[in-house]
Amino acid sequence: MIEKKFDFTKTENKHIERVLEDQRVGINHMVLPKGDSLPLHNANSNVYMIVVRGIISLILDDQEQNDHPSGSILVIPMGTKMNVFNCNDDVAEIFVVKSPSPSNMG
């Protein structure tokens, strides 16, 4: 088999997992029920956020809150201060692709 398969967790509960990390890319999967969030942090690579379920709310650097529904793909530059949360009734689910992989960033 040429391809490699990586599984991710299907849940309605808060869940944050690293799906893949190699020298080229990092891929994380996150599920955030209403009221849950990620810790405030700075992007440690270029971030490509794919919203696959619900609505994700973001405050980036000093901007106002922006909401992004499922079907959105967001590009967030490295070093951006990120506040990621779900303030909507539906569970939010995202995949975060980091390129280059933070493991290559030293």
PDB file of N, CA and C in Angstrom:
ATOM      1  N   MET A   1       0.843  -1.177   0.000  1.00  0.00           N
ATOM      2  CA  MET A   1       0.000   0.000   0.000  1.00  0.00           C
ATOM      3  C   MET A   1       0.891   1.243   0.000  1.00  0.00           C
ATOM      4  N   ILE A   2       0.652   2.132  -0.919  1.00  0.00           N
ATOM      5  CA  ILE A   2       1.456   3.347  -1.046  1.00  0.00           C
ATOM      6  C   ILE A   2       1.035   4.400  -0.029  1.00  0.00           C
ATOM      7  N   GLU A   3      -0.263   4.565   0.157  1.00  0.00           N
ATOM      8  CA  GLU A   3      -0.756   5.637   1.028  1.00  0.00           C
ATOM      9  C   GLU A   3      -0.595   5.259   2.497  1.00  0.00           C
ATOM     10  N   LYS A   4      -0.543   6.296   3.325  1.00  0.00           N
ATOM     11  CA  LYS A   4      -0.583   6.121   4.778  1.00  0.00           C
ATOM     12  C   LYS A   4      -1.923   6.658   5.247  1.00  0.00           C
ATOM     13  N   LYS A   5      -2.527   5.957   6.183  1.00  0.00           N
ATOM     14  CA  LYS A   5      -3.834   6.343   6.689  1.00  0.00           C
ATOM     15  C   LYS A   5      -3.695   6.863   8.112  1.00  0.00           C
ATOM     16  N   PHE A   6      -4.360   7.985   8.390  1.00  0.00           N
ATOM     17  CA  PHE A   6      -4.390   8.564   9.725  1.00  0.00           C
ATOM     18  C   PHE A   6      -5.842   8.756  10.123  1.00  0.00           C
ATOM     19  N   ASP A   7      -6.217   8.259  11.270  1.00  0.00           N
ATOM     20  CA  ASP A   7      -7.589   8.371  11.750  1.00  0.00           C
ATOM     21  C   ASP A   7      -7.713   9.558  12.696  1.00  0.00           C
ATOM     22  N   PHE A   8      -8.932  10.089  12.792  1.00  0.00           N
ATOM     23  CA  PHE A   8      -9.232  11.127  13.767  1.00  0.00           C
ATOM     24  C   PHE A   8     -10.485  10.721  14.521  1.00  0.00           C
ATOM     25  N   THR A   9     -10.661  11.292  15.712  1.00  0.00           N
ATOM     26  CA  THR A   9     -11.746  10.932  16.609  1.00  0.00           C
ATOM     27  C   THR A   9     -13.034  11.628  16.202  1.00  0.00           C
ATOM     28  N   LYS A  10     -14.125  10.871  16.206  1.00  0.00           N
ATOM     29  CA  LYS A  10     -15.452  11.427  15.950  1.00  0.00           C
ATOM     30  C   LYS A  10     -16.163  11.512  17.290  1.00  0.00           C
ATOM     31  N   THR A  11     -16.496  12.731  17.712  1.00  0.00           N
ATOM     32  CA  THR A  11     -17.085  12.946  19.034  1.00  0.00           C
ATOM     33  C   THR A  11     -17.892  14.232  19.047  1.00  0.00           C
ATOM     34  N   GLU A  12     -18.717  14.370  20.052  1.00  0.00           N
ATOM     35  CA  GLU A  12     -19.466  15.607  20.307  1.00  0.00           C
ATOM     36  C   GLU A  12     -18.837  16.378  21.464  1.00  0.00           C
ATOM     37  N   ASN A  13     -17.872  15.758  22.146  1.00  0.00           N
ATOM     38  CA  ASN A  13     -17.223  16.347  23.316  1.00  0.00           C
ATOM     39  C   ASN A  13     -15.967  17.112  22.908  1.00  0.00           C
ATOM     40  N   LYS A  14     -15.516  17.993  23.794  1.00  0.00           N
ATOM     41  CA  LYS A  14     -14.291  18.728  23.512  1.00  0.00           C
ATOM     42  C   LYS A  14     -13.158  17.732  23.287  1.00  0.00           C
ATOM     43  N   HIS A  15     -12.444  17.944  22.195  1.00  0.00           N
ATOM     44  CA  HIS A  15     -11.367  17.021  21.855  1.00  0.00           C
ATOM     45  C   HIS A  15     -10.348  17.758  21.000  1.00  0.00           C
ATOM     46  N   ILE A  16      -9.081  17.628  21.355  1.00  0.00           N
ATOM     47  CA  ILE A  16      -7.987  18.234  20.595  1.00  0.00           C
ATOM     48  C   ILE A  16      -6.937  17.147  20.398  1.00  0.00           C
ATOM     49  N   GLU A  17      -6.596  16.895  19.144  1.00  0.00           N
ATOM     50  CA  GLU A  17      -5.630  15.829  18.878  1.00  0.00           C
ATOM     51  C   GLU A  17      -4.719  16.193  17.707  1.00  0.00           C
ATOM     52  N   ARG A  18      -3.500  15.718  17.801  1.00  0.00           N
ATOM     53  CA  ARG A  18      -2.555  15.819  16.681  1.00  0.00           C
ATOM     54  C   ARG A  18      -2.775  14.583  15.828  1.00  0.00           C
ATOM     55  N   VAL A  19      -3.143  14.801  14.580  1.00  0.00           N
ATOM     56  CA  VAL A  19      -3.406  13.689  13.667  1.00  0.00           C
ATOM     57  C   VAL A  19      -2.130  13.273  12.960  1.00  0.00           C
ATOM     58  N   LEU A  20      -1.327  14.255  12.581  1.00  0.00           N
ATOM     59  CA  LEU A  20      -0.113  13.980  11.809  1.00  0.00           C
ATOM     60  C   LEU A  20       0.908  15.069  12.077  1.00  0.00           C
ATOM     61  N   GLU A  21       2.148  14.660  12.246  1.00  0.00           N
ATOM     62  CA  GLU A  21       3.254  15.614  12.383  1.00  0.00           C
ATOM     63  C   GLU A  21       4.455  14.993  11.709  1.00  0.00           C
ATOM     64  N   ASP A  22       4.894  15.613  10.628  1.00  0.00           N
ATOM     65  CA  ASP A  22       6.147  15.188  10.009  1.00  0.00           C
ATOM     66  C   ASP A  22       6.935  16.438   9.638  1.00  0.00           C
ATOM     67  N   GLN A  23       7.988  16.306   8.882  1.00  0.00           N
ATOM     68  CA  GLN A  23       8.834  17.458   8.579  1.00  0.00           C
ATOM     69  C   GLN A  23       8.150  18.483   7.680  1.00  0.00           C
ATOM     70  N   ARG A  24       7.142  18.055   6.933  1.00  0.00           N
ATOM     71  CA  ARG A  24       6.497  18.957   5.979  1.00  0.00           C
ATOM     72  C   ARG A  24       5.294  19.681   6.537  1.00  0.00           C
ATOM     73  N   VAL A  25       4.513  18.984   7.367  1.00  0.00           N
ATOM     74  CA  VAL A  25       3.226  19.537   7.768  1.00  0.00           C
ATOM     75  C   VAL A  25       2.800  18.991   9.133  1.00  0.00           C
ATOM     76  N   GLY A  26       2.004  19.767   9.838  1.00  0.00           N
ATOM     77  CA  GLY A  26       1.335  19.313  11.050  1.00  0.00           C
ATOM     78  C   GLY A  26      -0.163  19.439  10.833  1.00  0.00           C
ATOM     79  N   ILE A  27      -0.928  18.424  11.225  1.00  0.00           N
ATOM     80  CA  ILE A  27      -2.381  18.467  11.087  1.00  0.00           C
ATOM     81  C   ILE A  27      -3.003  18.139  12.446  1.00  0.00           C
ATOM     82  N   ASN A  28      -3.820  19.054  12.935  1.00  0.00           N
ATOM     83  CA  ASN A  28      -4.540  18.868  14.188  1.00  0.00           C
ATOM     84  C   ASN A  28      -6.034  18.835  13.919  1.00  0.00           C
ATOM     85  N   HIS A  29      -6.752  18.125  14.764  1.00  0.00           N
ATOM     86  CA  HIS A  29      -8.209  18.020  14.683  1.00  0.00           C
ATOM     87  C   HIS A  29      -8.770  18.489  16.013  1.00  0.00           C
ATOM     88  N   MET A  30      -9.803  19.336  15.963  1.00  0.00           N
ATOM     89  CA  MET A  30     -10.362  19.903  17.188  1.00  0.00           C
ATOM     90  C   MET A  30     -11.877  19.930  17.131  1.00  0.00           C
ATOM     91  N   VAL A  31     -12.513  19.545  18.228  1.00  0.00           N
ATOM     92  CA  VAL A  31     -13.950  19.605  18.387  1.00  0.00           C
ATOM     93  C   VAL A  31     -14.226  20.485  19.606  1.00  0.00           C
ATOM     94  N   LEU A  32     -15.045  21.532  19.403  1.00  0.00           N
ATOM     95  CA  LEU A  32     -15.349  22.473  20.474  1.00  0.00           C
ATOM     96  C   LEU A  32     -16.858  22.623  20.633  1.00  0.00           C
ATOM     97  N   PRO A  33     -17.450  22.057  21.700  1.00  0.00           N
ATOM     98  CA  PRO A  33     -18.862  22.315  21.983  1.00  0.00           C
ATOM     99  C   PRO A  33     -19.067  23.774  22.392  1.00  0.00           C
ATOM    100  N   LYS A  34     -20.305  24.195  22.469  1.00  0.00           N
ATOM    101  CA  LYS A  34     -20.632  25.567  22.852  1.00  0.00           C
ATOM    102  C   LYS A  34     -19.920  25.952  24.144  1.00  0.00           C
ATOM    103  N   GLY A  35     -19.275  27.120  24.125  1.00  0.00           N
ATOM    104  CA  GLY A  35     -18.598  27.645  25.306  1.00  0.00           C
ATOM    105  C   GLY A  35     -17.155  27.215  25.452  1.00  0.00           C
ATOM    106  N   ASP A  36     -16.693  26.274  24.636  1.00  0.00           N
ATOM    107  CA  ASP A  36     -15.304  25.815  24.730  1.00  0.00           C
ATOM    108  C   ASP A  36     -14.399  26.633  23.820  1.00  0.00           C
ATOM    109  N   SER A  37     -13.110  26.621  24.150  1.00  0.00           N
ATOM    110  CA  SER A  37     -12.141  27.414  23.395  1.00  0.00           C
ATOM    111  C   SER A  37     -10.770  26.758  23.455  1.00  0.00           C
ATOM    112  N   LEU A  38      -9.876  27.292  22.653  1.00  0.00           N
ATOM    113  CA  LEU A  38      -8.467  26.935  22.724  1.00  0.00           C
ATOM    114  C   LEU A  38      -7.768  27.986  23.572  1.00  0.00           C
ATOM    115  N   PRO A  39      -6.633  27.669  24.159  1.00  0.00           N
ATOM    116  CA  PRO A  39      -5.887  28.691  24.889  1.00  0.00           C
ATOM    117  C   PRO A  39      -5.446  29.804  23.937  1.00  0.00           C
ATOM    118  N   LEU A  40      -5.447  31.034  24.427  1.00  0.00           N
ATOM    119  CA  LEU A  40      -4.924  32.162  23.654  1.00  0.00           C
ATOM    120  C   LEU A  40      -3.462  31.866  23.331  1.00  0.00           C
ATOM    121  N   HIS A  41      -3.085  31.987  22.056  1.00  0.00           N
ATOM    122  CA  HIS A  41      -1.717  31.652  21.666  1.00  0.00           C
ATOM    123  C   HIS A  41      -1.349  32.368  20.372  1.00  0.00           C
ATOM    124  N   ASN A  42      -0.069  32.358  20.060  1.00  0.00           N
ATOM    125  CA  ASN A  42       0.415  32.882  18.781  1.00  0.00           C
ATOM    126  C   ASN A  42       0.633  31.707  17.840  1.00  0.00           C
ATOM    127  N   ALA A  43       0.231  31.874  16.589  1.00  0.00           N
ATOM    128  CA  ALA A  43       0.409  30.824  15.588  1.00  0.00           C
ATOM    129  C   ALA A  43       1.893  30.521  15.435  1.00  0.00           C
ATOM    130  N   ASN A  44       2.271  29.242  15.608  1.00  0.00           N
ATOM    131  CA  ASN A  44       3.681  28.857  15.546  1.00  0.00           C
ATOM    132  C   ASN A  44       4.106  28.389  14.155  1.00  0.00           C
ATOM    133  N   SER A  45       3.258  28.644  13.165  1.00  0.00           N
ATOM    134  CA  SER A  45       3.538  28.349  11.761  1.00  0.00           C
ATOM    135  C   SER A  45       2.462  29.050  10.946  1.00  0.00           C
ATOM    136  N   ASN A  46       2.493  28.918   9.638  1.00  0.00           N
ATOM    137  CA  ASN A  46       1.371  29.368   8.821  1.00  0.00           C
ATOM    138  C   ASN A  46       0.234  28.386   9.061  1.00  0.00           C
ATOM    139  N   VAL A  47      -0.964  28.912   9.340  1.00  0.00           N
ATOM    140  CA  VAL A  47      -2.097  28.079   9.741  1.00  0.00           C
ATOM    141  C   VAL A  47      -3.174  28.127   8.665  1.00  0.00           C
ATOM    142  N   TYR A  48      -3.655  26.950   8.309  1.00  0.00           N
ATOM    143  CA  TYR A  48      -4.783  26.805   7.390  1.00  0.00           C
ATOM    144  C   TYR A  48      -5.870  26.094   8.178  1.00  0.00           C
ATOM    145  N   MET A  49      -6.934  26.814   8.510  1.00  0.00           N
ATOM    146  CA  MET A  49      -7.995  26.285   9.358  1.00  0.00           C
ATOM    147  C   MET A  49      -9.198  25.936   8.481  1.00  0.00           C
ATOM    148  N   ILE A  50      -9.644  24.688   8.572  1.00  0.00           N
ATOM    149  CA  ILE A  50     -10.765  24.199   7.774  1.00  0.00           C
ATOM    150  C   ILE A  50     -11.923  23.915   8.727  1.00  0.00           C
ATOM    151  N   VAL A  51     -13.017  24.656   8.579  1.00  0.00           N
ATOM    152  CA  VAL A  51     -14.190  24.483   9.439  1.00  0.00           C
ATOM    153  C   VAL A  51     -15.093  23.453   8.767  1.00  0.00           C
ATOM    154  N   VAL A  52     -15.259  22.303   9.420  1.00  0.00           N
ATOM    155  CA  VAL A  52     -16.042  21.219   8.823  1.00  0.00           C
ATOM    156  C   VAL A  52     -17.427  21.051   9.463  1.00  0.00           C
ATOM    157  N   ARG A  53     -17.630  21.680  10.633  1.00  0.00           N
ATOM    158  CA  ARG A  53     -18.928  21.560  11.295  1.00  0.00           C
ATOM    159  C   ARG A  53     -19.129  22.755  12.200  1.00  0.00           C
ATOM    160  N   GLY A  54     -20.337  23.290  12.240  1.00  0.00           N
ATOM    161  CA  GLY A  54     -20.671  24.388  13.131  1.00  0.00           C
ATOM    162  C   GLY A  54     -20.099  25.720  12.675  1.00  0.00           C
ATOM    163  N   ILE A  55     -19.877  26.589  13.652  1.00  0.00           N
ATOM    164  CA  ILE A  55     -19.342  27.933  13.409  1.00  0.00           C
ATOM    165  C   ILE A  55     -18.210  28.159  14.393  1.00  0.00           C
ATOM    166  N   ILE A  56     -17.063  28.582  13.889  1.00  0.00           N
ATOM    167  CA  ILE A  56     -15.927  28.889  14.757  1.00  0.00           C
ATOM    168  C   ILE A  56     -15.789  30.405  14.854  1.00  0.00           C
ATOM    169  N   SER A  57     -15.503  30.899  16.045  1.00  0.00           N
ATOM    170  CA  SER A  57     -15.304  32.328  16.262  1.00  0.00           C
ATOM    171  C   SER A  57     -13.825  32.595  16.499  1.00  0.00           C
ATOM    172  N   LEU A  58     -13.327  33.655  15.886  1.00  0.00           N
ATOM    173  CA  LEU A  58     -11.913  34.011  15.994  1.00  0.00           C
ATOM    174  C   LEU A  58     -11.753  35.473  16.374  1.00  0.00           C
ATOM    175  N   ILE A  59     -10.794  35.739  17.229  1.00  0.00           N
ATOM    176  CA  ILE A  59     -10.268  37.087  17.415  1.00  0.00           C
ATOM    177  C   ILE A  59      -8.786  36.973  17.108  1.00  0.00           C
ATOM    178  N   LEU A  60      -8.332  37.640  16.054  1.00  0.00           N
ATOM    179  CA  LEU A  60      -6.942  37.582  15.618  1.00  0.00           C
ATOM    180  C   LEU A  60      -6.280  38.928  15.880  1.00  0.00           C
ATOM    181  N   ASP A  61      -5.132  38.900  16.552  1.00  0.00           N
ATOM    182  CA  ASP A  61      -4.431  40.116  16.975  1.00  0.00           C
ATOM    183  C   ASP A  61      -5.435  41.028  17.671  1.00  0.00           C
ATOM    184  N   ASP A  62      -5.615  42.252  17.190  1.00  0.00           N
ATOM    185  CA  ASP A  62      -6.515  43.202  17.848  1.00  0.00           C
ATOM    186  C   ASP A  62      -7.803  43.422  17.069  1.00  0.00           C
ATOM    187  N   GLN A  63      -8.142  42.496  16.172  1.00  0.00           N
ATOM    188  CA  GLN A  63      -9.362  42.636  15.383  1.00  0.00           C
ATOM    189  C   GLN A  63     -10.602  42.310  16.210  1.00  0.00           C
ATOM    190  N   GLU A  64     -11.750  42.690  15.673  1.00  0.00           N
ATOM    191  CA  GLU A  64     -13.037  42.319  16.253  1.00  0.00           C
ATOM    192  C   GLU A  64     -13.270  40.818  16.018  1.00  0.00           C
ATOM    193  N   GLN A  65     -14.197  40.245  16.757  1.00  0.00           N
ATOM    194  CA  GLN A  65     -14.566  38.841  16.572  1.00  0.00           C
ATOM    195  C   GLN A  65     -15.155  38.641  15.182  1.00  0.00           C
ATOM    196  N   ASN A  66     -14.725  37.556  14.528  1.00  0.00           N
ATOM    197  CA  ASN A  66     -15.273  37.137  13.244  1.00  0.00           C
ATOM    198  C   ASN A  66     -15.742  35.698  13.382  1.00  0.00           C
ATOM    199  N   ASP A  67     -16.915  35.396  12.824  1.00  0.00           N
ATOM    200  CA  ASP A  67     -17.478  34.050  12.852  1.00  0.00           C
ATOM    201  C   ASP A  67     -17.362  33.424  11.473  1.00  0.00           C
ATOM    202  N   HIS A  68     -17.013  32.119  11.453  1.00  0.00           N
ATOM    203  CA  HIS A  68     -16.782  31.418  10.194  1.00  0.00           C
ATOM    204  C   HIS A  68     -17.530  30.082  10.221  1.00  0.00           C
ATOM    205  N   PRO A  69     -18.489  29.896   9.309  1.00  0.00           N
ATOM    206  CA  PRO A  69     -19.303  28.671   9.295  1.00  0.00           C
ATOM    207  C   PRO A  69     -18.590  27.522   8.607  1.00  0.00           C
ATOM    208  N   SER A  70     -19.182  26.325   8.767  1.00  0.00           N
ATOM    209  CA  SER A  70     -18.633  25.151   8.084  1.00  0.00           C
ATOM    210  C   SER A  70     -18.547  25.437   6.592  1.00  0.00           C
ATOM    211  N   GLY A  71     -17.517  24.893   5.978  1.00  0.00           N
ATOM    212  CA  GLY A  71     -17.240  25.164   4.576  1.00  0.00           C
ATOM    213  C   GLY A  71     -16.218  26.270   4.383  1.00  0.00           C
ATOM    214  N   SER A  72     -15.804  26.914   5.479  1.00  0.00           N
ATOM    215  CA  SER A  72     -14.799  27.988   5.400  1.00  0.00           C
ATOM    216  C   SER A  72     -13.398  27.414   5.526  1.00  0.00           C
ATOM    217  N   ILE A  73     -12.483  27.989   4.762  1.00  0.00           N
ATOM    218  CA  ILE A  73     -11.057  27.697   4.907  1.00  0.00           C
ATOM    219  C   ILE A  73     -10.375  29.028   5.163  1.00  0.00           C
ATOM    220  N   LEU A  74      -9.663  29.115   6.282  1.00  0.00           N
ATOM    221  CA  LEU A  74      -9.032  30.363   6.702  1.00  0.00           C
ATOM    222  C   LEU A  74      -7.527  30.217   6.643  1.00  0.00           C
ATOM    223  N   VAL A  75      -6.845  31.282   6.240  1.00  0.00           N
ATOM    224  CA  VAL A  75      -5.388  31.305   6.213  1.00  0.00           C
ATOM    225  C   VAL A  75      -4.941  32.364   7.223  1.00  0.00           C
ATOM    226  N   ILE A  76      -4.126  31.928   8.192  1.00  0.00           N
ATOM    227  CA  ILE A  76      -3.687  32.796   9.278  1.00  0.00           C
ATOM    228  C   ILE A  76      -2.168  32.798   9.295  1.00  0.00           C
ATOM    229  N   PRO A  77      -1.542  33.977   9.153  1.00  0.00           N
ATOM    230  CA  PRO A  77      -0.079  34.043   9.085  1.00  0.00           C
ATOM    231  C   PRO A  77       0.604  33.658  10.404  1.00  0.00           C
ATOM    232  N   MET A  78       1.794  33.112  10.286  1.00  0.00           N
ATOM    233  CA  MET A  78       2.611  32.760  11.444  1.00  0.00           C
ATOM    234  C   MET A  78       2.794  33.991  12.337  1.00  0.00           C
ATOM    235  N   GLY A  79       2.747  33.782  13.649  1.00  0.00           N
ATOM    236  CA  GLY A  79       2.956  34.848  14.613  1.00  0.00           C
ATOM    237  C   GLY A  79       1.691  35.577  15.025  1.00  0.00           C
ATOM    238  N   THR A  80       0.579  35.332  14.357  1.00  0.00           N
ATOM    239  CA  THR A  80      -0.684  36.000  14.677  1.00  0.00           C
ATOM    240  C   THR A  80      -1.196  35.525  16.031  1.00  0.00           C
ATOM    241  N   LYS A  81      -1.607  36.470  16.889  1.00  0.00           N
ATOM    242  CA  LYS A  81      -2.225  36.112  18.165  1.00  0.00           C
ATOM    243  C   LYS A  81      -3.628  35.585  17.867  1.00  0.00           C
ATOM    244  N   MET A  82      -3.941  34.390  18.391  1.00  0.00           N
ATOM    245  CA  MET A  82      -5.184  33.710  18.050  1.00  0.00           C
ATOM    246  C   MET A  82      -6.016  33.413  19.292  1.00  0.00           C
ATOM    247  N   ASN A  83      -7.290  33.812  19.227  1.00  0.00           N
ATOM    248  CA  ASN A  83      -8.276  33.431  20.226  1.00  0.00           C
ATOM    249  C   ASN A  83      -9.367  32.688  19.471  1.00  0.00           C
ATOM    250  N   VAL A  84      -9.462  31.382  19.664  1.00  0.00           N
ATOM    251  CA  VAL A  84     -10.369  30.506  18.915  1.00  0.00           C
ATOM    252  C   VAL A  84     -11.394  29.936  19.884  1.00  0.00           C
ATOM    253  N   PHE A  85     -12.687  30.098  19.557  1.00  0.00           N
ATOM    254  CA  PHE A  85     -13.714  29.630  20.477  1.00  0.00           C
ATOM    255  C   PHE A  85     -15.017  29.347  19.747  1.00  0.00           C
ATOM    256  N   ASN A  86     -15.939  28.694  20.469  1.00  0.00           N
ATOM    257  CA  ASN A  86     -17.266  28.392  19.945  1.00  0.00           C
ATOM    258  C   ASN A  86     -18.293  29.011  20.877  1.00  0.00           C
ATOM    259  N   CYS A  87     -18.975  30.042  20.422  1.00  0.00           N
ATOM    260  CA  CYS A  87     -20.022  30.674  21.230  1.00  0.00           C
ATOM    261  C   CYS A  87     -21.401  30.397  20.639  1.00  0.00           C
ATOM    262  N   ASN A  88     -21.480  29.429  19.732  1.00  0.00           N
ATOM    263  CA  ASN A  88     -22.734  29.070  19.081  1.00  0.00           C
ATOM    264  C   ASN A  88     -23.279  27.772  19.656  1.00  0.00           C
ATOM    265  N   ASP A  89     -24.553  27.494  19.389  1.00  0.00           N
ATOM    266  CA  ASP A  89     -25.210  26.316  19.966  1.00  0.00           C
ATOM    267  C   ASP A  89     -24.674  24.995  19.413  1.00  0.00           C
ATOM    268  N   ASP A  90     -24.333  24.956  18.130  1.00  0.00           N
ATOM    269  CA  ASP A  90     -23.868  23.713  17.512  1.00  0.00           C
ATOM    270  C   ASP A  90     -22.403  23.440  17.833  1.00  0.00           C
ATOM    271  N   VAL A  91     -22.045  22.177  17.882  1.00  0.00           N
ATOM    272  CA  VAL A  91     -20.651  21.776  18.062  1.00  0.00           C
ATOM    273  C   VAL A  91     -19.848  22.270  16.860  1.00  0.00           C
ATOM    274  N   ALA A  92     -18.670  22.819  17.115  1.00  0.00           N
ATOM    275  CA  ALA A  92     -17.767  23.261  16.046  1.00  0.00           C
ATOM    276  C   ALA A  92     -16.645  22.241  15.900  1.00  0.00           C
ATOM    277  N   GLU A  93     -16.268  21.969  14.663  1.00  0.00           N
ATOM    278  CA  GLU A  93     -15.187  21.022  14.386  1.00  0.00           C
ATOM    279  C   GLU A  93     -14.291  21.618  13.316  1.00  0.00           C
ATOM    280  N   ILE A  94     -12.988  21.575  13.566  1.00  0.00           N
ATOM    281  CA  ILE A  94     -12.023  22.150  12.620  1.00  0.00           C
ATOM    282  C   ILE A  94     -10.825  21.221  12.455  1.00  0.00           C
ATOM    283  N   PHE A  95     -10.193  21.345  11.310  1.00  0.00           N
ATOM    284  CA  PHE A  95      -8.869  20.778  11.090  1.00  0.00           C
ATOM    285  C   PHE A  95      -7.929  21.954  10.922  1.00  0.00           C
ATOM    286  N   VAL A  96      -6.773  21.857  11.541  1.00  0.00           N
ATOM    287  CA  VAL A  96      -5.760  22.904  11.447  1.00  0.00           C
ATOM    288  C   VAL A  96      -4.526  22.292  10.796  1.00  0.00           C
ATOM    289  N   VAL A  97      -4.175  22.851   9.653  1.00  0.00           N
ATOM    290  CA  VAL A  97      -2.993  22.415   8.911  1.00  0.00           C
ATOM    291  C   VAL A  97      -1.919  23.472   9.114  1.00  0.00           C
ATOM    292  N   LYS A  98      -0.751  23.046   9.573  1.00  0.00           N
ATOM    293  CA  LYS A  98       0.360  23.967   9.813  1.00  0.00           C
ATOM    294  C   LYS A  98       1.482  23.638   8.838  1.00  0.00           C
ATOM    295  N   SER A  99       1.897  24.660   8.091  1.00  0.00           N
ATOM    296  CA  SER A  99       2.967  24.457   7.123  1.00  0.00           C
ATOM    297  C   SER A  99       3.871  25.685   7.101  1.00  0.00           C
ATOM    298  N   PRO A 100       5.174  25.504   7.264  1.00  0.00           N
ATOM    299  CA  PRO A 100       5.841  24.234   7.513  1.00  0.00           C
ATOM    300  C   PRO A 100       5.491  23.709   8.904  1.00  0.00           C
ATOM    301  N   SER A 101       5.778  22.444   9.103  1.00  0.00           N
ATOM    302  CA  SER A 101       5.523  21.826  10.392  1.00  0.00           C
ATOM    303  C   SER A 101       6.238  22.589  11.497  1.00  0.00           C
ATOM    304  N   PRO A 102       5.558  22.855  12.618  1.00  0.00           N
ATOM    305  CA  PRO A 102       6.247  23.516  13.730  1.00  0.00           C
ATOM    306  C   PRO A 102       7.493  22.774  14.204  1.00  0.00           C
ATOM    307  N   SER A 103       7.552  21.465  13.980  1.00  0.00           N
ATOM    308  CA  SER A 103       8.745  20.700  14.379  1.00  0.00           C
ATOM    309  C   SER A 103       9.976  21.133  13.588  1.00  0.00           C
ATOM    310  N   ASN A 104       9.768  21.779  12.447  1.00  0.00           N
ATOM    311  CA  ASN A 104      10.884  22.298  11.646  1.00  0.00           C
ATOM    312  C   ASN A 104      11.216  23.746  11.971  1.00  0.00           C
ATOM    313  N   MET A 105      10.454  24.358  12.857  1.00  0.00           N
ATOM    314  CA  MET A 105      10.640  25.768  13.140  1.00  0.00           C
ATOM    315  C   MET A 105      11.690  26.010  14.220  1.00  0.00           C
ATOM    316  N   GLY A 106      12.258  24.947  14.770  1.00  0.00           N
ATOM    317  CA  GLY A 106      13.308  25.104  15.773  1.00  0.00           C
ATOM    318  C   GLY A 106      12.708  25.237  17.088  1.00  0.00           C
TER     319      GLY A 106
END
